[in-house]
């Protein structure tokens, strides 16, 4: 074999390099049908071009997500009412610590 061996990375190593959770990397690999360069024992390993592609897809997904959520009101969740059964809506920033007990 001529030339240096390329640096191959596992899913966990890719996640650490990109600072993202492994489930997001797994999702992109599955949905974009990215084939591993090889398998080492039971691990899938990917090349530098695959890592670059995953990084670009992650940033594209995040930009799309921000674009979709821009201008929306903050998420509201149901919080139990202190007077008995029923519920009322409260901003997601509020917690049950002393406010609704």
PDB file of N, CA and C in Angstrom:
ATOM      1  N   UNK A   1       0.840  -1.173   0.000  1.00  0.00           N
ATOM      2  CA  UNK A   1       0.000   0.000   0.000  1.00  0.00           C
ATOM      3  C   UNK A   1       0.888   1.241   0.000  1.00  0.00           C
ATOM      4  N   UNK A   2       0.690   2.124  -0.936  1.00  0.00           N
ATOM      5  CA  UNK A   2       1.508   3.326  -1.049  1.00  0.00           C
ATOM      6  C   UNK A   2       0.849   4.499  -0.340  1.00  0.00           C
ATOM      7  N   UNK A   3       1.661   5.379   0.190  1.00  0.00           N
ATOM      8  CA  UNK A   3       1.158   6.601   0.817  1.00  0.00           C
ATOM      9  C   UNK A   3       0.736   6.381   2.253  1.00  0.00           C
ATOM     10  N   UNK A   4       0.491   7.503   2.960  1.00  0.00           N
ATOM     11  CA  UNK A   4       0.101   7.404   4.366  1.00  0.00           C
ATOM     12  C   UNK A   4      -1.347   6.922   4.509  1.00  0.00           C
ATOM     13  N   UNK A   5      -1.620   6.286   5.603  1.00  0.00           N
ATOM     14  CA  UNK A   5      -2.962   5.800   5.900  1.00  0.00           C
ATOM     15  C   UNK A   5      -3.823   6.975   6.365  1.00  0.00           C
ATOM     16  N   UNK A   6      -5.034   7.142   5.820  1.00  0.00           N
ATOM     17  CA  UNK A   6      -5.881   8.266   6.243  1.00  0.00           C
ATOM     18  C   UNK A   6      -6.347   8.082   7.681  1.00  0.00           C
ATOM     19  N   UNK A   7      -6.589   9.185   8.356  1.00  0.00           N
ATOM     20  CA  UNK A   7      -7.066   9.159   9.746  1.00  0.00           C
ATOM     21  C   UNK A   7      -8.558   8.861   9.735  1.00  0.00           C
ATOM     22  N   UNK A   8      -8.949   7.706  10.272  1.00  0.00           N
ATOM     23  CA  UNK A   8     -10.348   7.308  10.309  1.00  0.00           C
ATOM     24  C   UNK A   8     -10.911   7.559  11.694  1.00  0.00           C
ATOM     25  N   UNK A   9     -12.212   7.888  11.768  1.00  0.00           N
ATOM     26  CA  UNK A   9     -12.836   8.247  13.038  1.00  0.00           C
ATOM     27  C   UNK A   9     -14.111   7.438  13.257  1.00  0.00           C
ATOM     28  N   UNK A  10     -14.352   7.070  14.509  1.00  0.00           N
ATOM     29  CA  UNK A  10     -15.599   6.404  14.883  1.00  0.00           C
ATOM     30  C   UNK A  10     -16.688   7.460  15.092  1.00  0.00           C
ATOM     31  N   UNK A  11     -17.919   7.008  15.287  1.00  0.00           N
ATOM     32  CA  UNK A  11     -19.034   7.930  15.514  1.00  0.00           C
ATOM     33  C   UNK A  11     -18.790   8.765  16.771  1.00  0.00           C
ATOM     34  N   UNK A  12     -18.321   8.133  17.836  1.00  0.00           N
ATOM     35  CA  UNK A  12     -18.042   8.863  19.074  1.00  0.00           C
ATOM     36  C   UNK A  12     -16.953   9.897  18.905  1.00  0.00           C
ATOM     37  N   UNK A  13     -15.931   9.543  18.149  1.00  0.00           N
ATOM     38  CA  UNK A  13     -14.835  10.487  17.909  1.00  0.00           C
ATOM     39  C   UNK A  13     -15.306  11.670  17.057  1.00  0.00           C
ATOM     40  N   UNK A  14     -16.162  11.401  16.074  1.00  0.00           N
ATOM     41  CA  UNK A  14     -16.721  12.477  15.254  1.00  0.00           C
ATOM     42  C   UNK A  14     -17.548  13.421  16.125  1.00  0.00           C
ATOM     43  N   UNK A  15     -18.366  12.846  17.005  1.00  0.00           N
ATOM     44  CA  UNK A  15     -19.200  13.652  17.895  1.00  0.00           C
ATOM     45  C   UNK A  15     -18.344  14.540  18.793  1.00  0.00           C
ATOM     46  N   UNK A  16     -17.263  14.000  19.324  1.00  0.00           N
ATOM     47  CA  UNK A  16     -16.362  14.805  20.177  1.00  0.00           C
ATOM     48  C   UNK A  16     -15.703  15.918  19.376  1.00  0.00           C
ATOM     49  N   UNK A  17     -15.234  15.603  18.174  1.00  0.00           N
ATOM     50  CA  UNK A  17     -14.578  16.623  17.341  1.00  0.00           C
ATOM     51  C   UNK A  17     -15.521  17.767  17.000  1.00  0.00           C
ATOM     52  N   UNK A  18     -16.792  17.426  16.704  1.00  0.00           N
ATOM     53  CA  UNK A  18     -17.748  18.441  16.278  1.00  0.00           C
ATOM     54  C   UNK A  18     -18.516  19.055  17.439  1.00  0.00           C
ATOM     55  N   UNK A  19     -18.334  18.513  18.636  1.00  0.00           N
ATOM     56  CA  UNK A  19     -19.006  19.045  19.808  1.00  0.00           C
ATOM     57  C   UNK A  19     -20.513  18.834  19.788  1.00  0.00           C
ATOM     58  N   UNK A  20     -20.950  17.723  19.245  1.00  0.00           N
ATOM     59  CA  UNK A  20     -22.370  17.405  19.138  1.00  0.00           C
ATOM     60  C   UNK A  20     -22.647  16.053  19.776  1.00  0.00           C
ATOM     61  N   UNK A  21     -23.901  15.794  20.171  1.00  0.00           N
ATOM     62  CA  UNK A  21     -24.241  14.487  20.730  1.00  0.00           C
ATOM     63  C   UNK A  21     -24.143  13.383  19.671  1.00  0.00           C
ATOM     64  N   UNK A  22     -23.841  12.180  20.113  1.00  0.00           N
ATOM     65  CA  UNK A  22     -23.671  11.072  19.170  1.00  0.00           C
ATOM     66  C   UNK A  22     -24.966  10.742  18.444  1.00  0.00           C
ATOM     67  N   UNK A  23     -26.126  10.949  19.078  1.00  0.00           N
ATOM     68  CA  UNK A  23     -27.378  10.589  18.399  1.00  0.00           C
ATOM     69  C   UNK A  23     -27.612  11.455  17.160  1.00  0.00           C
ATOM     70  N   UNK A  24     -27.113  12.681  17.157  1.00  0.00           N
ATOM     71  CA  UNK A  24     -27.260  13.523  15.959  1.00  0.00           C
ATOM     72  C   UNK A  24     -26.370  13.021  14.828  1.00  0.00           C
ATOM     73  N   UNK A  25     -25.177  12.594  15.186  1.00  0.00           N
ATOM     74  CA  UNK A  25     -24.264  12.041  14.179  1.00  0.00           C
ATOM     75  C   UNK A  25     -24.859  10.757  13.611  1.00  0.00           C
ATOM     76  N   UNK A  26     -25.359   9.893  14.486  1.00  0.00           N
ATOM     77  CA  UNK A  26     -25.986   8.638  14.052  1.00  0.00           C
ATOM     78  C   UNK A  26     -27.168   8.923  13.116  1.00  0.00           C
ATOM     79  N   UNK A  27     -27.981   9.919  13.474  1.00  0.00           N
ATOM     80  CA  UNK A  27     -29.138  10.273  12.652  1.00  0.00           C
ATOM     81  C   UNK A  27     -28.694  10.685  11.251  1.00  0.00           C
ATOM     82  N   UNK A  28     -27.695  11.540  11.159  1.00  0.00           N
ATOM     83  CA  UNK A  28     -27.229  11.983   9.842  1.00  0.00           C
ATOM     84  C   UNK A  28     -26.642  10.833   9.033  1.00  0.00           C
ATOM     85  N   UNK A  29     -25.884   9.976   9.689  1.00  0.00           N
ATOM     86  CA  UNK A  29     -25.301   8.831   8.984  1.00  0.00           C
ATOM     87  C   UNK A  29     -26.409   7.949   8.417  1.00  0.00           C
ATOM     88  N   UNK A  30     -27.443   7.732   9.216  1.00  0.00           N
ATOM     89  CA  UNK A  30     -28.552   6.877   8.795  1.00  0.00           C
ATOM     90  C   UNK A  30     -29.379   7.536   7.688  1.00  0.00           C
ATOM     91  N   UNK A  31     -29.757   8.803   7.868  1.00  0.00           N
ATOM     92  CA  UNK A  31     -30.643   9.452   6.898  1.00  0.00           C
ATOM     93  C   UNK A  31     -29.934   9.848   5.606  1.00  0.00           C
ATOM     94  N   UNK A  32     -28.656  10.152   5.684  1.00  0.00           N
ATOM     95  CA  UNK A  32     -27.903  10.521   4.481  1.00  0.00           C
ATOM     96  C   UNK A  32     -27.234   9.308   3.827  1.00  0.00           C
ATOM     97  N   UNK A  33     -27.440   8.165   4.455  1.00  0.00           N
ATOM     98  CA  UNK A  33     -26.903   6.890   3.937  1.00  0.00           C
ATOM     99  C   UNK A  33     -25.398   6.969   3.681  1.00  0.00           C
ATOM    100  N   UNK A  34     -24.688   7.420   4.692  1.00  0.00           N
ATOM    101  CA  UNK A  34     -23.239   7.516   4.594  1.00  0.00           C
ATOM    102  C   UNK A  34     -22.650   6.163   4.967  1.00  0.00           C
ATOM    103  N   UNK A  35     -21.942   5.578   4.047  1.00  0.00           N
ATOM    104  CA  UNK A  35     -21.347   4.265   4.287  1.00  0.00           C
ATOM    105  C   UNK A  35     -19.994   4.428   4.974  1.00  0.00           C
ATOM    106  N   UNK A  36     -19.700   3.577   5.944  1.00  0.00           N
ATOM    107  CA  UNK A  36     -18.390   3.663   6.600  1.00  0.00           C
ATOM    108  C   UNK A  36     -17.282   3.245   5.637  1.00  0.00           C
ATOM    109  N   UNK A  37     -16.094   3.801   5.857  1.00  0.00           N
ATOM    110  CA  UNK A  37     -14.943   3.418   5.034  1.00  0.00           C
ATOM    111  C   UNK A  37     -14.554   1.971   5.294  1.00  0.00           C
ATOM    112  N   UNK A  38     -14.679   1.591   6.575  1.00  0.00           N
ATOM    113  CA  UNK A  38     -14.309   0.232   6.975  1.00  0.00           C
ATOM    114  C   UNK A  38     -14.944  -0.069   8.317  1.00  0.00           C
ATOM    115  N   UNK A  39     -14.750  -1.288   8.763  1.00  0.00           N
ATOM    116  CA  UNK A  39     -15.164  -1.694  10.108  1.00  0.00           C
ATOM    117  C   UNK A  39     -13.931  -2.221  10.823  1.00  0.00           C
ATOM    118  N   UNK A  40     -13.782  -1.751  12.055  1.00  0.00           N
ATOM    119  CA  UNK A  40     -12.692  -2.232  12.897  1.00  0.00           C
ATOM    120  C   UNK A  40     -13.380  -2.911  14.070  1.00  0.00           C
ATOM    121  N   UNK A  41     -13.238  -4.224  14.143  1.00  0.00           N
ATOM    122  CA  UNK A  41     -14.000  -5.041  15.087  1.00  0.00           C
ATOM    123  C   UNK A  41     -15.474  -4.798  14.770  1.00  0.00           C
ATOM    124  N   UNK A  42     -16.222  -4.202  15.678  1.00  0.00           N
ATOM    125  CA  UNK A  42     -17.631  -3.927  15.421  1.00  0.00           C
ATOM    126  C   UNK A  42     -17.890  -2.431  15.219  1.00  0.00           C
ATOM    127  N   UNK A  43     -16.846  -1.638  15.117  1.00  0.00           N
ATOM    128  CA  UNK A  43     -16.982  -0.184  14.980  1.00  0.00           C
ATOM    129  C   UNK A  43     -16.954   0.228  13.516  1.00  0.00           C
ATOM    130  N   UNK A  44     -17.807   1.195  13.191  1.00  0.00           N
ATOM    131  CA  UNK A  44     -17.759   1.794  11.857  1.00  0.00           C
ATOM    132  C   UNK A  44     -16.787   2.958  11.905  1.00  0.00           C
ATOM    133  N   UNK A  45     -15.930   3.064  10.912  1.00  0.00           N
ATOM    134  CA  UNK A  45     -14.986   4.177  10.858  1.00  0.00           C
ATOM    135  C   UNK A  45     -15.202   4.952   9.560  1.00  0.00           C
ATOM    136  N   UNK A  46     -15.058   6.277   9.676  1.00  0.00           N
ATOM    137  CA  UNK A  46     -15.326   7.179   8.569  1.00  0.00           C
ATOM    138  C   UNK A  46     -14.096   8.020   8.279  1.00  0.00           C
ATOM    139  N   UNK A  47     -13.947   8.416   7.038  1.00  0.00           N
ATOM    140  CA  UNK A  47     -12.792   9.193   6.613  1.00  0.00           C
ATOM    141  C   UNK A  47     -12.965  10.686   6.835  1.00  0.00           C
ATOM    142  N   UNK A  48     -11.893  11.444   6.585  1.00  0.00           N
ATOM    143  CA  UNK A  48     -11.926  12.904   6.770  1.00  0.00           C
ATOM    144  C   UNK A  48     -12.996  13.593   5.912  1.00  0.00           C
ATOM    145  N   UNK A  49     -13.221  13.116   4.705  1.00  0.00           N
ATOM    146  CA  UNK A  49     -14.249  13.723   3.847  1.00  0.00           C
ATOM    147  C   UNK A  49     -15.639  13.506   4.438  1.00  0.00           C
ATOM    148  N   UNK A  50     -15.862  12.342   5.040  1.00  0.00           N
ATOM    149  CA  UNK A  50     -17.147  12.064   5.681  1.00  0.00           C
ATOM    150  C   UNK A  50     -17.367  12.989   6.877  1.00  0.00           C
ATOM    151  N   UNK A  51     -16.303  13.224   7.646  1.00  0.00           N
ATOM    152  CA  UNK A  51     -16.401  14.110   8.816  1.00  0.00           C
ATOM    153  C   UNK A  51     -16.726  15.533   8.363  1.00  0.00           C
ATOM    154  N   UNK A  52     -16.098  15.995   7.308  1.00  0.00           N
ATOM    155  CA  UNK A  52     -16.386  17.330   6.775  1.00  0.00           C
ATOM    156  C   UNK A  52     -17.829  17.431   6.294  1.00  0.00           C
ATOM    157  N   UNK A  53     -18.302  16.387   5.618  1.00  0.00           N
ATOM    158  CA  UNK A  53     -19.679  16.371   5.129  1.00  0.00           C
ATOM    159  C   UNK A  53     -20.658  16.410   6.303  1.00  0.00           C
ATOM    160  N   UNK A  54     -20.395  15.630   7.341  1.00  0.00           N
ATOM    161  CA  UNK A  54     -21.261  15.626   8.525  1.00  0.00           C
ATOM    162  C   UNK A  54     -21.285  17.002   9.195  1.00  0.00           C
ATOM    163  N   UNK A  55     -20.128  17.648   9.282  1.00  0.00           N
ATOM    164  CA  UNK A  55     -20.058  18.985   9.884  1.00  0.00           C
ATOM    165  C   UNK A  55     -20.893  19.979   9.082  1.00  0.00           C
ATOM    166  N   UNK A  56     -20.806  19.916   7.765  1.00  0.00           N
ATOM    167  CA  UNK A  56     -21.582  20.845   6.938  1.00  0.00           C
ATOM    168  C   UNK A  56     -23.082  20.558   7.046  1.00  0.00           C
ATOM    169  N   UNK A  57     -23.457  19.289   7.122  1.00  0.00           N
ATOM    170  CA  UNK A  57     -24.869  18.931   7.276  1.00  0.00           C
ATOM    171  C   UNK A  57     -25.410  19.377   8.632  1.00  0.00           C
ATOM    172  N   UNK A  58     -24.610  19.246   9.678  1.00  0.00           N
ATOM    173  CA  UNK A  58     -25.037  19.692  11.006  1.00  0.00           C
ATOM    174  C   UNK A  58     -25.289  21.194  11.012  1.00  0.00           C
ATOM    175  N   UNK A  59     -24.372  21.957  10.434  1.00  0.00           N
ATOM    176  CA  UNK A  59     -24.554  23.416  10.423  1.00  0.00           C
ATOM    177  C   UNK A  59     -25.738  23.805   9.539  1.00  0.00           C
ATOM    178  N   UNK A  60     -25.944  23.092   8.447  1.00  0.00           N
ATOM    179  CA  UNK A  60     -27.097  23.361   7.582  1.00  0.00           C
ATOM    180  C   UNK A  60     -28.403  23.061   8.317  1.00  0.00           C
ATOM    181  N   UNK A  61     -28.443  21.941   9.048  1.00  0.00           N
ATOM    182  CA  UNK A  61     -29.635  21.585   9.820  1.00  0.00           C
ATOM    183  C   UNK A  61     -29.929  22.619  10.896  1.00  0.00           C
ATOM    184  N   UNK A  62     -28.903  23.091  11.586  1.00  0.00           N
ATOM    185  CA  UNK A  62     -29.097  24.085  12.630  1.00  0.00           C
ATOM    186  C   UNK A  62     -29.600  25.401  12.060  1.00  0.00           C
ATOM    187  N   UNK A  63     -29.083  25.799  10.907  1.00  0.00           N
ATOM    188  CA  UNK A  63     -29.549  27.028  10.265  1.00  0.00           C
ATOM    189  C   UNK A  63     -31.011  26.892   9.857  1.00  0.00           C
ATOM    190  N   UNK A  64     -31.370  25.744   9.335  1.00  0.00           N
ATOM    191  CA  UNK A  64     -32.754  25.484   8.945  1.00  0.00           C
ATOM    192  C   UNK A  64     -33.669  25.492  10.168  1.00  0.00           C
ATOM    193  N   UNK A  65     -33.205  24.902  11.247  1.00  0.00           N
ATOM    194  CA  UNK A  65     -33.985  24.855  12.487  1.00  0.00           C
ATOM    195  C   UNK A  65     -34.214  26.264  13.035  1.00  0.00           C
ATOM    196  N   UNK A  66     -33.176  27.090  13.033  1.00  0.00           N
ATOM    197  CA  UNK A  66     -33.313  28.474  13.503  1.00  0.00           C
ATOM    198  C   UNK A  66     -34.259  29.263  12.618  1.00  0.00           C
ATOM    199  N   UNK A  67     -34.184  29.033  11.324  1.00  0.00           N
ATOM    200  CA  UNK A  67     -35.056  29.734  10.388  1.00  0.00           C
ATOM    201  C   UNK A  67     -36.521  29.370  10.646  1.00  0.00           C
ATOM    202  N   UNK A  68     -36.786  28.098  10.921  1.00  0.00           N
ATOM    203  CA  UNK A  68     -38.156  27.647  11.186  1.00  0.00           C
ATOM    204  C   UNK A  68     -38.695  28.230  12.482  1.00  0.00           C
ATOM    205  N   UNK A  69     -37.859  28.329  13.500  1.00  0.00           N
ATOM    206  CA  UNK A  69     -38.304  28.745  14.818  1.00  0.00           C
ATOM    207  C   UNK A  69     -38.223  30.250  15.059  1.00  0.00           C
ATOM    208  N   UNK A  70     -37.692  30.987  14.121  1.00  0.00           N
ATOM    209  CA  UNK A  70     -37.572  32.429  14.291  1.00  0.00           C
ATOM    210  C   UNK A  70     -38.958  33.062  14.342  1.00  0.00           C
ATOM    211  N   UNK A  71     -39.177  33.940  15.309  1.00  0.00           N
ATOM    212  CA  UNK A  71     -40.435  34.653  15.405  1.00  0.00           C
ATOM    213  C   UNK A  71     -41.516  33.936  16.187  1.00  0.00           C
ATOM    214  N   UNK A  72     -41.257  32.730  16.641  1.00  0.00           N
ATOM    215  CA  UNK A  72     -42.264  32.016  17.420  1.00  0.00           C
ATOM    216  C   UNK A  72     -42.242  32.478  18.866  1.00  0.00           C
ATOM    217  N   UNK A  73     -43.374  32.335  19.533  1.00  0.00           N
ATOM    218  CA  UNK A  73     -43.432  32.658  20.952  1.00  0.00           C
ATOM    219  C   UNK A  73     -42.760  31.544  21.736  1.00  0.00           C
ATOM    220  N   UNK A  74     -42.288  31.820  22.944  1.00  0.00           N
ATOM    221  CA  UNK A  74     -41.628  30.780  23.734  1.00  0.00           C
ATOM    222  C   UNK A  74     -42.574  29.616  24.006  1.00  0.00           C
ATOM    223  N   UNK A  75     -42.009  28.444  24.102  1.00  0.00           N
ATOM    224  CA  UNK A  75     -42.773  27.232  24.374  1.00  0.00           C
ATOM    225  C   UNK A  75     -43.464  27.335  25.731  1.00  0.00           C
ATOM    226  N   UNK A  76     -44.699  26.905  25.791  1.00  0.00           N
ATOM    227  CA  UNK A  76     -45.434  26.920  27.054  1.00  0.00           C
ATOM    228  C   UNK A  76     -45.751  25.479  27.430  1.00  0.00           C
ATOM    229  N   UNK A  77     -45.729  25.200  28.711  1.00  0.00           N
ATOM    230  CA  UNK A  77     -46.035  23.853  29.172  1.00  0.00           C
ATOM    231  C   UNK A  77     -47.099  23.921  30.253  1.00  0.00           C
ATOM    232  N   UNK A  78     -47.750  22.818  30.474  1.00  0.00           N
ATOM    233  CA  UNK A  78     -48.793  22.761  31.482  1.00  0.00           C
ATOM    234  C   UNK A  78     -48.164  22.557  32.848  1.00  0.00           C
ATOM    235  N   UNK A  79     -48.668  23.309  33.838  1.00  0.00           N
ATOM    236  CA  UNK A  79     -48.195  23.203  35.211  1.00  0.00           C
ATOM    237  C   UNK A  79     -49.413  22.935  36.076  1.00  0.00           C
ATOM    238  N   UNK A  80     -49.314  21.989  36.989  1.00  0.00           N
ATOM    239  CA  UNK A  80     -50.449  21.625  37.839  1.00  0.00           C
ATOM    240  C   UNK A  80     -50.902  22.823  38.661  1.00  0.00           C
ATOM    241  N   UNK A  81     -52.192  22.973  38.779  1.00  0.00           N
ATOM    242  CA  UNK A  81     -52.797  24.060  39.541  1.00  0.00           C
ATOM    243  C   UNK A  81     -52.759  23.707  41.027  1.00  0.00           C
ATOM    244  N   UNK A  82     -52.558  24.673  41.890  1.00  0.00           N
ATOM    245  CA  UNK A  82     -52.466  24.397  43.316  1.00  0.00           C
ATOM    246  C   UNK A  82     -53.830  24.235  43.970  1.00  0.00           C
ATOM    247  N   UNK A  83     -54.905  24.561  43.266  1.00  0.00           N
ATOM    248  CA  UNK A  83     -56.234  24.545  43.852  1.00  0.00           C
ATOM    249  C   UNK A  83     -56.930  23.201  43.650  1.00  0.00           C
ATOM    250  N   UNK A  84     -56.346  22.267  43.065  1.00  0.00           N
ATOM    251  CA  UNK A  84     -56.975  20.970  42.835  1.00  0.00           C
ATOM    252  C   UNK A  84     -56.673  20.482  41.447  1.00  0.00           C
ATOM    253  N   UNK A  85     -57.652  19.823  40.852  1.00  0.00           N
ATOM    254  CA  UNK A  85     -57.410  19.282  39.522  1.00  0.00           C
ATOM    255  C   UNK A  85     -57.474  20.400  38.488  1.00  0.00           C
ATOM    256  N   UNK A  86     -57.026  20.102  37.331  1.00  0.00           N
ATOM    257  CA  UNK A  86     -56.955  21.110  36.285  1.00  0.00           C
ATOM    258  C   UNK A  86     -55.524  21.555  36.078  1.00  0.00           C
ATOM    259  N   UNK A  87     -55.333  22.412  35.145  1.00  0.00           N
ATOM    260  CA  UNK A  87     -53.985  22.911  34.883  1.00  0.00           C
ATOM    261  C   UNK A  87     -54.088  24.285  34.256  1.00  0.00           C
ATOM    262  N   UNK A  88     -53.003  24.952  34.231  1.00  0.00           N
ATOM    263  CA  UNK A  88     -52.942  26.240  33.559  1.00  0.00           C
ATOM    264  C   UNK A  88     -51.618  26.314  32.819  1.00  0.00           C
ATOM    265  N   UNK A  89     -51.536  27.193  31.866  1.00  0.00           N
ATOM    266  CA  UNK A  89     -50.318  27.322  31.084  1.00  0.00           C
ATOM    267  C   UNK A  89     -49.354  28.255  31.772  1.00  0.00           C
ATOM    268  N   UNK A  90     -48.095  27.890  31.721  1.00  0.00           N
ATOM    269  CA  UNK A  90     -47.049  28.727  32.310  1.00  0.00           C
ATOM    270  C   UNK A  90     -45.872  28.749  31.349  1.00  0.00           C
ATOM    271  N   UNK A  91     -45.110  29.840  31.319  1.00  0.00           N
ATOM    272  CA  UNK A  91     -43.926  29.881  30.468  1.00  0.00           C
ATOM    273  C   UNK A  91     -42.953  28.775  30.850  1.00  0.00           C
ATOM    274  N   UNK A  92     -42.215  28.291  29.879  1.00  0.00           N
ATOM    275  CA  UNK A  92     -41.273  27.207  30.122  1.00  0.00           C
ATOM    276  C   UNK A  92     -40.195  27.607  31.117  1.00  0.00           C
ATOM    277  N   UNK A  93     -39.951  28.899  31.278  1.00  0.00           N
ATOM    278  CA  UNK A  93     -38.905  29.341  32.192  1.00  0.00           C
ATOM    279  C   UNK A  93     -39.323  29.212  33.650  1.00  0.00           C
ATOM    280  N   UNK A  94     -40.630  29.099  33.927  1.00  0.00           N
ATOM    281  CA  UNK A  94     -41.097  28.980  35.312  1.00  0.00           C
ATOM    282  C   UNK A  94     -41.011  27.527  35.751  1.00  0.00           C
ATOM    283  N   UNK A  95     -40.718  27.319  37.006  1.00  0.00           N
ATOM    284  CA  UNK A  95     -40.647  25.967  37.530  1.00  0.00           C
ATOM    285  C   UNK A  95     -41.644  25.826  38.672  1.00  0.00           C
ATOM    286  N   UNK A  96     -41.763  24.633  39.190  1.00  0.00           N
ATOM    287  CA  UNK A  96     -42.687  24.362  40.286  1.00  0.00           C
ATOM    288  C   UNK A  96     -42.094  24.711  41.634  1.00  0.00           C
ATOM    289  N   UNK A  97     -40.881  25.184  41.681  1.00  0.00           N
ATOM    290  CA  UNK A  97     -40.201  25.454  42.946  1.00  0.00           C
ATOM    291  C   UNK A  97     -40.806  26.661  43.641  1.00  0.00           C
ATOM    292  N   UNK A  98     -41.816  26.425  44.484  1.00  0.00           N
ATOM    293  CA  UNK A  98     -42.374  27.487  45.307  1.00  0.00           C
ATOM    294  C   UNK A  98     -43.377  28.381  44.605  1.00  0.00           C
ATOM    295  N   UNK A  99     -43.534  28.301  43.334  1.00  0.00           N
ATOM    296  CA  UNK A  99     -44.433  29.218  42.628  1.00  0.00           C
ATOM    297  C   UNK A  99     -45.854  28.696  42.561  1.00  0.00           C
ATOM    298  N   UNK A 100     -46.015  27.389  42.377  1.00  0.00           N
ATOM    299  CA  UNK A 100     -47.337  26.830  42.195  1.00  0.00           C
ATOM    300  C   UNK A 100     -47.637  25.750  43.220  1.00  0.00           C
ATOM    301  N   UNK A 101     -46.940  25.749  44.354  1.00  0.00           N
ATOM    302  CA  UNK A 101     -47.159  24.666  45.313  1.00  0.00           C
ATOM    303  C   UNK A 101     -48.206  25.030  46.325  1.00  0.00           C
TER     304      UNK A 101
END
